[in-house]
Protein backbone atom coordinates (compact mmCIF):
# COMPACT_ATOMS: atom_id res chain seq x y z
CA MET A 1 0.45 -5.53 -0.44
CA ASN A 2 3.64 -5.94 1.56
CA ASP A 3 5.41 -8.63 3.36
CA ALA A 4 7.82 -7.14 6.09
CA GLY A 5 8.33 -4.18 3.89
CA ALA A 6 8.86 -5.88 0.66
CA GLN A 7 7.12 -4.89 -2.33
CA LEU A 8 4.93 -8.20 -3.70
CA PRO A 9 2.90 -6.61 -6.74
CA TRP A 10 2.32 -9.76 -8.66
CA LEU A 11 -0.71 -11.76 -7.58
CA VAL A 12 -1.86 -15.40 -8.47
CA VAL A 13 -5.45 -15.64 -8.73
CA ARG A 14 -7.63 -18.71 -8.71
CA GLN A 15 -10.94 -18.68 -10.55
CA ASP A 16 -13.33 -21.52 -10.32
CA ASP A 17 -15.99 -22.80 -12.71
CA ASN A 18 -18.34 -20.39 -10.91
CA GLY A 19 -16.28 -17.52 -11.70
CA ASN A 20 -15.43 -17.13 -8.00
CA ARG A 21 -11.94 -15.49 -7.33
CA TYR A 22 -9.26 -16.03 -5.04
CA ARG A 23 -6.02 -14.88 -4.20
CA VAL A 24 -3.30 -17.34 -3.90
CA GLY A 25 -0.29 -15.27 -3.04
CA ALA A 26 1.50 -12.62 -3.91
CA TYR A 27 5.44 -12.41 -5.27
CA ALA A 28 7.96 -10.02 -5.85
CA THR A 29 8.45 -10.49 -9.63
CA ARG A 30 5.83 -11.73 -12.76
CA ALA A 31 8.21 -14.62 -13.37
CA GLU A 32 7.89 -16.15 -9.47
CA ALA A 33 4.03 -15.64 -10.17
CA GLU A 34 3.91 -17.28 -13.45
CA GLN A 35 6.07 -20.20 -11.73
CA LYS A 36 3.48 -20.69 -9.21
CA ALA A 37 0.53 -20.07 -11.33
CA ASP A 38 2.33 -23.14 -13.58
CA GLN A 39 2.75 -25.58 -10.97
CA LEU A 40 -0.58 -25.11 -9.55
CA ASP A 41 -2.04 -25.63 -12.86
CA SER A 42 0.18 -29.19 -13.55
CA ARG A 43 -2.26 -30.51 -10.93
CA GLY A 44 -4.86 -30.91 -13.24
CA HIS A 45 -7.58 -29.24 -11.80
CA LYS A 46 -10.38 -27.53 -13.33
CA GLN A 47 -9.53 -23.84 -11.75
CA LEU A 48 -7.87 -21.12 -14.16
CA TYR A 49 -4.98 -19.41 -12.54
CA LEU A 50 -4.39 -15.88 -13.62
CA ILE A 51 -1.31 -13.44 -12.96
CA GLU A 52 -2.54 -9.85 -12.22
CA GLN A 53 -0.54 -6.61 -11.18
CA ALA A 54 -1.67 -5.61 -7.93
CA ALA A 55 -2.73 -1.86 -7.67
CA THR A 56 0.43 -0.02 -6.57
CA ARG A 57 0.04 3.13 -4.03
CA GLN A 58 1.94 6.40 -5.17
CA GLN A 59 3.06 8.01 -2.15
């Protein structure tokens, strides 16, 4: 995934109680993704926020 040419290989994914998964955002570093996941998790909802590394394309 890219945003105006920037590589954003770290994803925050929300998983709900039924196992449905949705991408919340993409970030340049794992630390940024963890910060966002922690921020969302602190809201107290029952969803689970996961950090995943996006598949990168080799050129």
